[in-house]
């Protein structure tokens, strides 16, 4: 039950008549020697950690130790309560929950790296908005996590998931692709639709540089998590409508790898380029370093 590409994953799903989540669960059981029910329980623990980060993050409007982030989840919640928001409630709350999780990370709280700490807001934001608004149970969300894990597993082994290696496309891009696939899985789309959603999401992030102000995973990282959650839902809707990515997902992942290899060092989490070296970015760095 092993796979190294999206193509092989889809072939496995077709041959076994299993979903992506079920294939990933079976693979984990085969690799670890643990029964599937134990692996599911381990994943539930991670899901509860995600929920705890959101619950704390939406009520805590204090600043991070750096002073450059914090309180935005609370501000967004107050805005949503006015009923004037432009996005639908599902996307709006996904954004709010993504803020909450990422701000918890900036405060050194407990989060689940999915696939990294810098991109940890997107997947829980999407999952728990579905839970909040469409009544999906934790059991549904856990299977979404297994689908996301399959996508992340392929990306990690064929390209990058770290900003230092491949830019923010590798962190927020991978997380957005994972979340898009998870949404399709939860909505009972086909494995093919889930993979197309991942491809569509990742294509939207190609070339995104990693340029953290003062070298901290806060600006612009937190807001990129928020935007990533909305892209994940857009990609999922596109795929569930039957619209396909013209470029296969494996080739999109390959393109990300090539772009990341050619990306200058200044744009790979070194804080030597992009937003990090704007006048305001430099002023923030100088203030924090003092």
Protein backbone atom coordinates (compact mmCIF):
# COMPACT_ATOMS: atom_id res chain seq x y z
CA UNK A 1 0.00 0.00 0.00
CA UNK A 2 2.82 2.39 -0.88
CA UNK A 3 2.91 5.32 -3.29
CA UNK A 4 5.45 7.97 -4.23
CA UNK A 5 3.37 10.16 -6.54
CA UNK A 6 -0.16 11.41 -6.97
CA UNK A 7 -0.46 9.20 -10.03
CA UNK A 8 0.40 6.12 -7.98
CA UNK A 9 -1.93 7.26 -5.21
CA UNK A 10 -4.85 7.57 -7.62
CA UNK A 11 -4.03 4.18 -9.14
CA UNK A 12 -4.14 2.66 -5.65
CA UNK A 13 -7.49 4.31 -4.97
CA UNK A 14 -8.88 3.01 -8.24
CA UNK A 15 -7.56 -0.51 -7.75
CA UNK A 16 -8.72 -0.84 -4.14
CA UNK A 17 -11.91 1.26 -4.48
CA UNK A 18 -10.71 3.20 -1.43
CA UNK A 19 -10.62 6.92 -0.71
CA UNK A 20 -7.34 8.78 -0.35
CA UNK A 21 -7.82 8.88 3.41
CA UNK A 22 -8.40 5.13 3.60
CA UNK A 23 -5.31 4.44 1.49
CA UNK A 24 -3.18 6.67 3.71
CA UNK A 25 -4.57 5.05 6.85
CA UNK A 26 -3.81 1.57 5.48
CA UNK A 27 -0.30 2.68 4.53
CA UNK A 28 0.35 4.01 8.04
CA UNK A 29 -0.90 0.76 9.54
CA UNK A 30 1.36 -1.27 7.26
CA UNK A 31 4.39 0.94 7.97
CA UNK A 32 3.94 1.18 11.74
CA UNK A 33 2.47 -2.23 12.48
CA UNK A 34 -0.25 -0.54 14.53
CA UNK A 35 -3.92 -1.36 14.03
CA UNK A 36 -5.90 1.29 12.19
CA UNK A 37 -8.03 2.18 15.21
CA UNK A 38 -4.90 3.15 17.17
CA UNK A 39 -3.66 5.34 14.34
CA UNK A 40 -7.06 7.03 14.17
CA UNK A 41 -6.89 7.73 17.91
CA UNK A 42 -3.43 9.25 17.50
CA UNK A 43 -4.77 11.50 14.75
CA UNK A 44 -7.70 12.51 16.96
CA UNK A 45 -5.21 13.71 19.56
CA UNK A 46 -3.69 16.02 16.97
CA UNK A 47 -7.14 17.20 15.95
CA UNK A 48 -7.97 18.09 19.55
CA UNK A 49 -4.69 20.01 19.82
CA UNK A 50 -5.73 21.98 16.74
CA UNK A 51 -9.11 22.76 18.31
CA UNK A 52 -7.48 23.85 21.57
CA UNK A 53 -5.21 26.26 19.68
CA UNK A 54 -8.20 27.76 17.89
CA UNK A 55 -10.29 28.04 21.06
CA UNK A 56 -7.52 29.85 22.89
CA UNK A 57 -6.49 31.91 19.90
CA UNK A 58 -9.92 33.37 19.18
CA UNK A 59 -10.29 34.67 22.73
CA UNK A 60 -6.71 35.87 23.28
CA UNK A 61 -6.14 39.28 21.71
CA UNK A 62 -2.77 39.91 23.31
CA UNK A 63 0.31 40.61 21.24
CA UNK A 64 3.09 38.16 20.55
CA UNK A 65 6.41 38.79 22.35
CA UNK A 66 7.70 40.51 19.20
CA UNK A 67 4.89 43.06 19.29
CA UNK A 68 4.24 42.68 15.55
CA UNK A 69 1.33 40.24 15.63
CA UNK A 70 -1.60 39.29 17.79
CA UNK A 71 -5.20 40.30 18.22
CA UNK A 72 -6.24 40.02 14.58
CA UNK A 73 -8.38 36.91 15.13
CA UNK A 74 -10.29 38.89 17.74
CA UNK A 75 -10.65 41.90 15.42
CA UNK A 76 -11.93 39.69 12.61
CA UNK A 77 -14.47 38.09 14.95
CA UNK A 78 -15.79 41.52 15.98
CA UNK A 79 -16.08 42.47 12.30
CA UNK A 80 -17.92 39.26 11.40
CA UNK A 81 -20.41 39.88 14.19
CA UNK A 82 -21.53 43.02 12.35
CA UNK A 83 -22.75 40.85 9.46
CA UNK A 84 -21.12 43.07 6.85
CA UNK A 85 -18.47 40.64 5.64
CA UNK A 86 -18.12 39.93 1.94
CA UNK A 87 -17.12 36.27 2.12
CA UNK A 88 -19.51 33.53 3.18
CA UNK A 89 -19.49 32.34 6.76
CA UNK A 90 -17.54 29.15 6.01
CA UNK A 91 -14.61 31.00 4.44
CA UNK A 92 -14.82 33.86 6.93
CA UNK A 93 -14.54 31.53 9.91
CA UNK A 94 -11.78 29.53 8.23
CA UNK A 95 -9.87 32.79 8.01
CA UNK A 96 -10.62 33.59 11.65
CA UNK A 97 -9.50 30.16 12.83
CA UNK A 98 -6.35 30.38 10.69
CA UNK A 99 -5.55 33.70 12.35
CA UNK A 100 -6.14 32.18 15.78
CA UNK A 101 -3.84 29.22 15.17
CA UNK A 102 -1.04 31.25 13.62
CA UNK A 103 -1.19 33.81 16.39
CA UNK A 104 -0.93 31.01 18.94
CA UNK A 105 2.23 29.90 17.17
CA UNK A 106 3.64 33.42 17.40
CA UNK A 107 2.89 33.41 21.16
CA UNK A 108 4.80 30.12 21.48
CA UNK A 109 1.60 28.20 22.17
CA UNK A 110 0.95 24.59 21.23
CA UNK A 111 0.02 24.07 17.58
CA UNK A 112 0.21 21.16 15.13
CA UNK A 113 2.64 21.70 12.26
CA UNK A 114 0.69 20.99 9.08
CA UNK A 115 3.12 20.63 7.43
CA UNK A 116 5.17 23.32 9.24
CA UNK A 117 4.61 25.71 12.13
CA UNK A 118 4.69 28.64 9.74
CA UNK A 119 1.79 27.19 7.75
CA UNK A 120 -0.11 25.63 10.65
CA UNK A 121 -3.21 27.80 10.43
CA UNK A 122 -4.63 26.75 7.08
CA UNK A 123 -5.66 23.14 7.61
CA UNK A 124 -7.27 23.55 11.06
CA UNK A 125 -8.93 26.75 9.88
CA UNK A 126 -10.63 24.92 7.02
CA UNK A 127 -11.49 21.77 8.98
CA UNK A 128 -13.06 23.48 11.95
CA UNK A 129 -15.04 25.89 9.81
CA UNK A 130 -16.63 22.85 8.14
CA UNK A 131 -17.24 21.43 11.60
CA UNK A 132 -18.81 24.69 12.78
CA UNK A 133 -21.05 25.39 9.80
CA UNK A 134 -21.83 22.06 8.18
CA UNK A 135 -21.89 19.73 11.13
CA UNK A 136 -19.05 17.45 10.15
CA UNK A 137 -17.94 15.36 13.10
CA UNK A 138 -14.42 14.88 14.43
CA UNK A 139 -14.48 11.48 12.70
CA UNK A 140 -15.00 13.24 9.36
CA UNK A 141 -12.25 15.74 10.15
CA UNK A 142 -9.82 12.96 11.06
CA UNK A 143 -10.31 11.37 7.66
CA UNK A 144 -9.72 14.77 6.12
CA UNK A 145 -6.41 14.87 7.98
CA UNK A 146 -5.42 11.51 6.51
CA UNK A 147 -6.18 12.80 3.01
CA UNK A 148 -4.15 15.93 3.73
CA UNK A 149 -1.32 13.72 5.03
CA UNK A 150 -1.22 11.79 1.77
CA UNK A 151 -0.84 14.99 -0.22
CA UNK A 152 1.79 16.34 2.17
CA UNK A 153 3.66 13.04 2.05
CA UNK A 154 3.97 13.19 -1.75
CA UNK A 155 4.95 16.86 -1.78
CA UNK A 156 7.57 16.38 0.95
CA UNK A 157 9.18 13.49 -0.90
CA UNK A 158 9.06 15.03 -4.38
CA UNK A 159 9.69 18.70 -3.58
CA UNK A 160 9.87 20.89 -0.44
CA UNK A 161 7.70 21.76 2.53
CA UNK A 162 10.12 24.21 4.16
CA UNK A 163 10.48 27.88 3.35
CA UNK A 164 14.23 27.68 3.85
CA UNK A 165 14.42 25.09 1.09
CA UNK A 166 11.86 26.30 -1.42
CA UNK A 167 10.27 29.58 -0.36
CA UNK A 168 6.81 30.20 1.04
CA UNK A 169 5.31 28.28 -1.89
CA UNK A 170 6.69 25.21 -0.11
CA UNK A 171 5.10 26.04 3.25
CA UNK A 172 1.84 27.92 2.69
CA UNK A 173 1.52 26.42 -0.79
CA UNK A 174 1.81 22.85 0.47
CA UNK A 175 -0.55 23.53 3.38
CA UNK A 176 -3.13 25.05 1.03
CA UNK A 177 -2.93 22.04 -1.28
CA UNK A 178 -3.30 19.69 1.69
CA UNK A 179 -6.32 21.61 2.97
CA UNK A 180 -7.98 21.68 -0.45
CA UNK A 181 -7.68 17.90 -0.73
CA UNK A 182 -8.97 17.45 2.82
CA UNK A 183 -12.06 19.54 2.07
CA UNK A 184 -12.85 17.46 -1.01
CA UNK A 185 -12.37 14.25 0.98
CA UNK A 186 -14.73 15.46 3.72
CA UNK A 187 -17.28 16.57 1.12
CA UNK A 188 -17.14 13.04 -0.36
CA UNK A 189 -15.59 14.07 -3.63
CA UNK A 190 -13.65 11.53 -5.63
CA UNK A 191 -9.91 10.91 -5.16
CA UNK A 192 -9.37 12.48 -8.56
CA UNK A 193 -11.20 15.62 -7.50
CA UNK A 194 -9.13 15.82 -4.32
CA UNK A 195 -5.90 15.63 -6.30
CA UNK A 196 -7.13 18.23 -8.80
CA UNK A 197 -8.01 20.51 -5.87
CA UNK A 198 -4.48 20.12 -4.50
CA UNK A 199 -3.01 20.94 -7.92
CA UNK A 200 -5.22 23.99 -8.39
CA UNK A 201 -4.36 25.29 -4.92
CA UNK A 202 -0.64 24.73 -5.32
CA UNK A 203 -0.56 26.35 -8.76
CA UNK A 204 -1.95 29.50 -7.15
CA UNK A 205 1.05 29.66 -4.83
CA UNK A 206 3.93 28.94 -7.21
CA UNK A 207 6.78 31.39 -6.87
CA UNK A 208 5.72 32.73 -3.47
CA UNK A 209 8.86 33.84 -1.65
CA UNK A 210 9.66 33.42 2.04
CA UNK A 211 10.55 36.88 3.35
CA UNK A 212 9.78 37.01 7.10
CA UNK A 213 10.21 40.41 8.69
CA UNK A 214 12.94 40.27 11.36
CA UNK A 215 13.25 36.56 10.61
CA UNK A 216 10.10 35.79 12.61
CA UNK A 217 7.26 33.60 11.35
CA UNK A 218 4.71 36.39 11.78
CA UNK A 219 4.82 39.02 9.03
CA UNK A 220 3.70 38.23 6.35
CA UNK A 221 3.30 34.58 7.32
CA UNK A 222 0.18 34.83 9.48
CA UNK A 223 -1.88 36.68 6.88
CA UNK A 224 -0.68 34.29 4.19
CA UNK A 225 -2.16 31.47 6.27
CA UNK A 226 -5.45 33.33 6.33
CA UNK A 227 -5.45 33.88 2.58
CA UNK A 228 -4.39 30.25 2.05
CA UNK A 229 -7.53 29.05 3.82
CA UNK A 230 -9.73 30.95 1.38
CA UNK A 231 -7.76 29.63 -1.60
CA UNK A 232 -8.18 26.07 -0.28
CA UNK A 233 -11.97 26.44 -0.31
CA UNK A 234 -11.89 28.03 -3.77
CA UNK A 235 -9.78 25.18 -5.14
CA UNK A 236 -12.04 22.59 -3.52
CA UNK A 237 -15.16 24.17 -5.01
CA UNK A 238 -13.55 24.31 -8.43
CA UNK A 239 -12.60 20.63 -8.27
CA UNK A 240 -15.97 19.52 -6.86
CA UNK A 241 -17.61 21.28 -9.82
CA UNK A 242 -15.77 18.83 -12.06
CA UNK A 243 -13.16 21.32 -13.26
CA UNK A 244 -9.73 19.78 -13.65
CA UNK A 245 -6.20 21.12 -13.45
CA UNK A 246 -4.76 21.08 -16.96
CA UNK A 247 -1.33 20.39 -15.46
CA UNK A 248 -1.26 17.10 -13.48
CA UNK A 249 -0.58 17.48 -9.77
CA UNK A 250 2.75 15.64 -9.95
CA UNK A 251 3.93 18.10 -12.58
CA UNK A 252 2.77 21.05 -10.47
CA UNK A 253 4.80 19.65 -7.57
CA UNK A 254 7.75 19.23 -9.93
CA UNK A 255 7.39 22.83 -11.07
CA UNK A 256 7.46 23.99 -7.46
CA UNK A 257 10.68 22.04 -6.96
CA UNK A 258 12.32 23.65 -10.01
CA UNK A 259 11.21 27.13 -8.97
CA UNK A 260 12.45 26.56 -5.42
CA UNK A 261 15.86 25.40 -6.62
CA UNK A 262 16.23 28.54 -8.73
CA UNK A 263 14.91 30.90 -6.06
CA UNK A 264 17.66 33.21 -4.75
CA UNK A 265 18.78 32.63 -1.18
CA UNK A 266 17.46 36.08 -0.23
CA UNK A 267 13.91 34.81 -0.77
CA UNK A 268 14.21 31.57 1.20
CA UNK A 269 13.58 32.43 4.86
CA UNK A 270 16.81 34.39 5.29
CA UNK A 271 15.05 37.75 5.83
CA UNK A 272 17.48 39.22 3.28
CA UNK A 273 14.93 40.14 0.62
CA UNK A 274 11.34 41.01 -0.15
CA UNK A 275 9.18 42.47 2.61
CA UNK A 276 11.91 41.87 5.18
CA UNK A 277 14.14 44.57 3.67
CA UNK A 278 11.51 47.23 3.04
CA UNK A 279 12.07 50.40 5.09
CA UNK A 280 9.33 49.39 7.51
CA UNK A 281 10.58 45.81 7.65
CA UNK A 282 14.08 47.02 8.52
CA UNK A 283 12.71 49.41 11.15
CA UNK A 284 10.75 46.58 12.78
CA UNK A 285 13.85 44.37 12.80
CA UNK A 286 15.98 47.10 14.38
CA UNK A 287 13.37 47.73 17.07
CA UNK A 288 13.06 44.04 17.93
CA UNK A 289 16.81 43.44 17.93
CA UNK A 290 17.28 46.28 20.41
